[in-house]
Amino acid sequence: MSTNEIPRGGPLSAPTLRSFGTGHVLRDFDLKVIMQISGCERGARRLLRGEPLSTADVGPLTMANHAARHMGYLPLFELGGQGPSIGPEVEAVLCELLEKPGRGQQI
């Protein structure tokens, strides 16, 4: 079979991306990894507090979205339109990881 042929069973479909709102065993670990890889903790904290973001915060948020997609998740942040915001079903998870005393220092 050449690399251009589609294997029997029809065309391959795109994988379904998971939401961070859906709890599963590795969700918190995966989110911590994404935050470490991207360095988006500062921007995420500022969004949670309703503070304006600097241009230096947007790059890490973009990287976090890229890492999330690569790991099979929906994007964490909405970066188009009126301005950056936290994606649907992500705010509660980020609050849990970042805003509870003692939890944010682990990231």
N, C-alpha and C. Protein backbone atom coordinates (compact mmCIF):
# COMPACT_ATOMS: atom_id res chain seq x y z
N MET A 1 0.85 -1.17 0.00
CA MET A 1 0.00 0.00 0.00
C MET A 1 0.90 1.23 0.00
N SER A 2 0.61 2.16 -0.89
CA SER A 2 1.41 3.39 -0.92
C SER A 2 0.94 4.34 0.18
N THR A 3 1.72 5.36 0.41
CA THR A 3 1.38 6.31 1.47
C THR A 3 0.17 7.16 1.11
N ASN A 4 -0.24 7.17 -0.16
CA ASN A 4 -1.38 7.96 -0.59
C ASN A 4 -2.70 7.22 -0.47
N GLU A 5 -2.65 5.91 -0.29
CA GLU A 5 -3.87 5.13 -0.23
C GLU A 5 -4.50 5.20 1.16
N ILE A 6 -5.83 5.13 1.17
CA ILE A 6 -6.57 5.12 2.43
C ILE A 6 -6.79 3.66 2.80
N PRO A 7 -6.45 3.27 4.03
CA PRO A 7 -6.64 1.88 4.42
C PRO A 7 -8.11 1.49 4.39
N ARG A 8 -8.37 0.19 4.28
CA ARG A 8 -9.74 -0.29 4.28
C ARG A 8 -10.47 0.18 5.52
N GLY A 9 -11.73 0.43 5.37
CA GLY A 9 -12.53 0.91 6.50
C GLY A 9 -12.88 2.37 6.33
N GLY A 10 -12.43 3.00 5.26
CA GLY A 10 -12.81 4.39 5.00
C GLY A 10 -11.76 5.37 5.47
N PRO A 11 -12.05 6.63 5.28
CA PRO A 11 -11.09 7.68 5.67
C PRO A 11 -10.93 7.74 7.18
N LEU A 12 -9.76 8.16 7.58
CA LEU A 12 -9.49 8.33 9.01
C LEU A 12 -10.19 9.58 9.50
N SER A 13 -10.77 9.51 10.66
CA SER A 13 -11.42 10.69 11.21
C SER A 13 -10.48 11.36 12.21
N ALA A 14 -10.73 12.64 12.41
CA ALA A 14 -9.92 13.38 13.37
C ALA A 14 -10.26 12.90 14.77
N PRO A 15 -9.28 12.83 15.66
CA PRO A 15 -9.56 12.40 17.03
C PRO A 15 -10.45 13.42 17.74
N THR A 16 -11.29 12.94 18.62
CA THR A 16 -12.14 13.80 19.40
C THR A 16 -11.33 14.38 20.56
N LEU A 17 -11.37 15.69 20.70
CA LEU A 17 -10.63 16.34 21.77
C LEU A 17 -11.46 16.34 23.05
N ARG A 18 -10.78 16.12 24.16
CA ARG A 18 -11.44 16.08 25.48
C ARG A 18 -11.50 17.47 26.08
N SER A 19 -12.47 17.68 26.92
CA SER A 19 -12.62 18.94 27.64
C SER A 19 -12.00 18.80 29.02
N PHE A 20 -11.43 19.88 29.53
CA PHE A 20 -10.91 19.85 30.90
C PHE A 20 -12.03 19.85 31.92
N GLY A 21 -13.26 20.18 31.49
CA GLY A 21 -14.39 20.14 32.39
C GLY A 21 -14.82 18.72 32.73
N THR A 22 -14.44 17.77 31.91
CA THR A 22 -14.76 16.37 32.16
C THR A 22 -13.66 15.78 33.02
N GLY A 23 -14.01 15.37 34.22
CA GLY A 23 -13.01 14.82 35.14
C GLY A 23 -12.54 13.45 34.70
N HIS A 24 -11.27 13.22 34.79
CA HIS A 24 -10.68 11.91 34.57
C HIS A 24 -9.37 11.86 35.34
N VAL A 25 -8.81 10.70 35.45
CA VAL A 25 -7.67 10.46 36.34
C VAL A 25 -6.49 11.38 36.07
N LEU A 26 -6.14 11.61 34.82
CA LEU A 26 -4.92 12.38 34.51
C LEU A 26 -5.17 13.85 34.21
N ARG A 27 -6.40 14.33 34.34
CA ARG A 27 -6.72 15.70 33.96
C ARG A 27 -5.84 16.72 34.67
N ASP A 28 -5.76 16.68 35.99
CA ASP A 28 -4.98 17.68 36.73
C ASP A 28 -3.50 17.58 36.40
N PHE A 29 -3.00 16.37 36.28
CA PHE A 29 -1.60 16.17 35.93
C PHE A 29 -1.32 16.75 34.54
N ASP A 30 -2.19 16.43 33.57
CA ASP A 30 -2.01 16.94 32.22
C ASP A 30 -2.04 18.47 32.20
N LEU A 31 -2.94 19.07 32.96
CA LEU A 31 -3.02 20.52 33.00
C LEU A 31 -1.75 21.12 33.60
N LYS A 32 -1.23 20.50 34.64
CA LYS A 32 0.03 20.99 35.24
C LYS A 32 1.18 20.90 34.24
N VAL A 33 1.22 19.82 33.48
CA VAL A 33 2.27 19.66 32.46
C VAL A 33 2.14 20.75 31.41
N ILE A 34 0.93 20.98 30.94
CA ILE A 34 0.70 22.02 29.93
C ILE A 34 1.13 23.38 30.46
N MET A 35 0.81 23.66 31.69
CA MET A 35 1.19 24.95 32.26
C MET A 35 2.70 25.07 32.42
N GLN A 36 3.37 24.00 32.79
CA GLN A 36 4.83 24.02 32.90
C GLN A 36 5.48 24.21 31.54
N ILE A 37 5.00 23.49 30.54
CA ILE A 37 5.57 23.58 29.19
C ILE A 37 5.42 24.99 28.62
N SER A 38 4.24 25.56 28.80
CA SER A 38 3.94 26.84 28.15
C SER A 38 4.36 28.06 28.96
N GLY A 39 4.45 27.92 30.28
CA GLY A 39 4.75 29.07 31.13
C GLY A 39 3.58 30.04 31.23
N CYS A 40 2.35 29.53 31.12
CA CYS A 40 1.17 30.39 31.07
C CYS A 40 0.55 30.69 32.44
N GLU A 41 1.19 30.28 33.51
CA GLU A 41 0.59 30.45 34.84
C GLU A 41 0.26 31.91 35.14
N ARG A 42 1.17 32.81 34.86
CA ARG A 42 0.94 34.23 35.15
C ARG A 42 -0.26 34.76 34.38
N GLY A 43 -0.33 34.46 33.08
CA GLY A 43 -1.46 34.92 32.28
C GLY A 43 -2.77 34.30 32.73
N ALA A 44 -2.74 33.02 33.10
CA ALA A 44 -3.95 32.35 33.59
C ALA A 44 -4.43 32.99 34.88
N ARG A 45 -3.51 33.27 35.79
CA ARG A 45 -3.89 33.92 37.05
C ARG A 45 -4.51 35.30 36.80
N ARG A 46 -3.92 36.05 35.88
CA ARG A 46 -4.44 37.38 35.57
C ARG A 46 -5.84 37.29 34.96
N LEU A 47 -6.07 36.32 34.09
CA LEU A 47 -7.40 36.14 33.51
C LEU A 47 -8.41 35.77 34.59
N LEU A 48 -8.03 34.89 35.51
CA LEU A 48 -8.93 34.49 36.58
C LEU A 48 -9.32 35.68 37.45
N ARG A 49 -8.40 36.61 37.64
CA ARG A 49 -8.67 37.78 38.48
C ARG A 49 -9.34 38.92 37.71
N GLY A 50 -9.50 38.75 36.40
CA GLY A 50 -10.11 39.79 35.58
C GLY A 50 -9.17 40.93 35.26
N GLU A 51 -7.87 40.72 35.41
CA GLU A 51 -6.88 41.76 35.14
C GLU A 51 -6.54 41.77 33.65
N PRO A 52 -6.14 42.93 33.13
CA PRO A 52 -5.73 42.98 31.72
C PRO A 52 -4.41 42.23 31.53
N LEU A 53 -4.24 41.68 30.35
CA LEU A 53 -3.01 40.94 30.03
C LEU A 53 -2.04 41.84 29.29
N SER A 54 -0.77 41.59 29.51
CA SER A 54 0.26 42.27 28.73
C SER A 54 0.50 41.44 27.47
N THR A 55 1.21 42.01 26.53
CA THR A 55 1.52 41.27 25.31
C THR A 55 2.41 40.07 25.62
N ALA A 56 3.19 40.15 26.70
CA ALA A 56 4.05 39.03 27.09
C ALA A 56 3.24 37.84 27.60
N ASP A 57 2.00 38.06 28.02
CA ASP A 57 1.16 36.97 28.52
C ASP A 57 0.50 36.17 27.41
N VAL A 58 0.30 36.78 26.25
CA VAL A 58 -0.46 36.12 25.17
C VAL A 58 0.31 34.97 24.55
N GLY A 59 1.61 35.10 24.37
CA GLY A 59 2.42 34.02 23.78
C GLY A 59 2.33 32.72 24.56
N PRO A 60 2.51 32.76 25.89
CA PRO A 60 2.37 31.53 26.66
C PRO A 60 0.96 30.94 26.61
N LEU A 61 -0.07 31.78 26.51
CA LEU A 61 -1.43 31.25 26.40
C LEU A 61 -1.61 30.52 25.07
N THR A 62 -1.01 31.06 24.01
CA THR A 62 -1.05 30.41 22.70
C THR A 62 -0.32 29.07 22.76
N MET A 63 0.82 29.06 23.42
CA MET A 63 1.59 27.81 23.57
C MET A 63 0.79 26.79 24.38
N ALA A 64 0.09 27.24 25.41
CA ALA A 64 -0.73 26.33 26.22
C ALA A 64 -1.82 25.70 25.37
N ASN A 65 -2.46 26.48 24.50
CA ASN A 65 -3.48 25.93 23.61
C ASN A 65 -2.89 24.89 22.67
N HIS A 66 -1.71 25.19 22.14
CA HIS A 66 -1.04 24.25 21.24
C HIS A 66 -0.72 22.94 21.98
N ALA A 67 -0.17 23.05 23.18
CA ALA A 67 0.17 21.86 23.97
C ALA A 67 -1.08 21.07 24.33
N ALA A 68 -2.16 21.77 24.67
CA ALA A 68 -3.42 21.09 25.01
C ALA A 68 -3.93 20.28 23.81
N ARG A 69 -3.94 20.90 22.63
CA ARG A 69 -4.39 20.18 21.43
C ARG A 69 -3.50 18.96 21.17
N HIS A 70 -2.21 19.14 21.34
CA HIS A 70 -1.27 18.04 21.11
C HIS A 70 -1.53 16.88 22.07
N MET A 71 -1.98 17.20 23.28
CA MET A 71 -2.25 16.17 24.28
C MET A 71 -3.69 15.65 24.22
N GLY A 72 -4.46 16.12 23.24
CA GLY A 72 -5.81 15.61 23.04
C GLY A 72 -6.92 16.37 23.74
N TYR A 73 -6.66 17.64 24.11
CA TYR A 73 -7.64 18.45 24.81
C TYR A 73 -8.09 19.62 23.94
N LEU A 74 -9.26 20.13 24.28
CA LEU A 74 -9.72 21.38 23.68
C LEU A 74 -8.84 22.51 24.19
N PRO A 75 -8.78 23.63 23.48
CA PRO A 75 -7.96 24.76 23.93
C PRO A 75 -8.38 25.25 25.31
N LEU A 76 -7.42 25.72 26.06
CA LEU A 76 -7.67 26.27 27.40
C LEU A 76 -8.18 27.70 27.34
N PHE A 77 -7.71 28.45 26.36
CA PHE A 77 -7.98 29.88 26.30
C PHE A 77 -8.58 30.26 24.95
N GLU A 78 -9.51 31.22 25.00
CA GLU A 78 -10.09 31.81 23.80
C GLU A 78 -9.24 33.03 23.47
N LEU A 79 -8.56 33.01 22.34
CA LEU A 79 -7.61 34.09 22.04
C LEU A 79 -8.07 34.98 20.90
N GLY A 80 -9.18 34.69 20.27
CA GLY A 80 -9.69 35.54 19.20
C GLY A 80 -10.78 36.45 19.72
N GLY A 81 -11.27 37.29 18.85
CA GLY A 81 -12.40 38.14 19.23
C GLY A 81 -12.02 39.33 20.06
N GLN A 82 -12.78 39.59 21.12
CA GLN A 82 -12.63 40.79 21.92
C GLN A 82 -11.35 40.81 22.74
N GLY A 83 -10.84 39.69 23.09
CA GLY A 83 -9.63 39.62 23.89
C GLY A 83 -9.50 38.25 24.51
N PRO A 84 -8.35 37.94 25.05
CA PRO A 84 -8.15 36.62 25.66
C PRO A 84 -9.13 36.36 26.81
N SER A 85 -9.59 35.14 26.88
CA SER A 85 -10.45 34.70 27.98
C SER A 85 -10.20 33.22 28.22
N ILE A 86 -10.71 32.74 29.31
CA ILE A 86 -10.57 31.32 29.65
C ILE A 86 -11.64 30.54 28.90
N GLY A 87 -11.25 29.40 28.33
CA GLY A 87 -12.17 28.58 27.57
C GLY A 87 -13.29 28.00 28.42
N PRO A 88 -14.34 27.54 27.74
CA PRO A 88 -15.48 26.95 28.45
C PRO A 88 -15.04 25.76 29.30
N GLU A 89 -15.59 25.64 30.47
CA GLU A 89 -15.38 24.52 31.39
C GLU A 89 -13.95 24.44 31.95
N VAL A 90 -13.13 25.44 31.70
CA VAL A 90 -11.75 25.41 32.17
C VAL A 90 -11.56 26.26 33.43
N GLU A 91 -12.38 27.27 33.59
CA GLU A 91 -12.19 28.21 34.70
C GLU A 91 -12.19 27.52 36.06
N ALA A 92 -13.15 26.63 36.30
CA ALA A 92 -13.23 25.96 37.60
C ALA A 92 -11.99 25.12 37.88
N VAL A 93 -11.49 24.46 36.84
CA VAL A 93 -10.30 23.61 37.01
C VAL A 93 -9.07 24.47 37.29
N LEU A 94 -8.93 25.59 36.57
CA LEU A 94 -7.81 26.49 36.81
C LEU A 94 -7.88 27.10 38.21
N CYS A 95 -9.08 27.48 38.62
CA CYS A 95 -9.24 28.03 39.98
C CYS A 95 -8.79 27.02 41.01
N GLU A 96 -9.18 25.79 40.82
CA GLU A 96 -8.81 24.74 41.77
C GLU A 96 -7.30 24.56 41.85
N LEU A 97 -6.64 24.62 40.70
CA LEU A 97 -5.19 24.40 40.68
C LEU A 97 -4.38 25.63 41.09
N LEU A 98 -4.87 26.82 40.77
CA LEU A 98 -4.05 28.02 40.97
C LEU A 98 -4.43 28.87 42.17
N GLU A 99 -5.69 28.92 42.51
CA GLU A 99 -6.13 29.89 43.50
C GLU A 99 -6.24 29.35 44.91
N LYS A 100 -6.26 28.06 45.11
CA LYS A 100 -6.31 27.53 46.47
C LYS A 100 -4.96 27.71 47.14
N PRO A 101 -4.95 28.12 48.39
CA PRO A 101 -3.67 28.31 49.09
C PRO A 101 -2.81 27.05 49.06
N GLY A 102 -1.56 27.23 48.66
CA GLY A 102 -0.62 26.12 48.65
C GLY A 102 -0.63 25.31 47.37
N ARG A 103 -1.68 25.38 46.56
CA ARG A 103 -1.76 24.57 45.35
C ARG A 103 -0.95 25.18 44.21
N GLY A 104 -1.01 26.50 44.06
CA GLY A 104 -0.34 27.16 42.96
C GLY A 104 1.17 27.04 43.01
N GLN A 105 1.73 26.92 44.19
CA GLN A 105 3.18 26.83 44.31
C GLN A 105 3.70 25.51 43.77
N GLN A 106 2.84 24.52 43.62
CA GLN A 106 3.27 23.21 43.11
C GLN A 106 3.51 23.27 41.60
N ILE A 107 2.89 24.22 40.93
CA ILE A 107 3.00 24.28 39.47
C ILE A 107 4.27 24.98 39.08
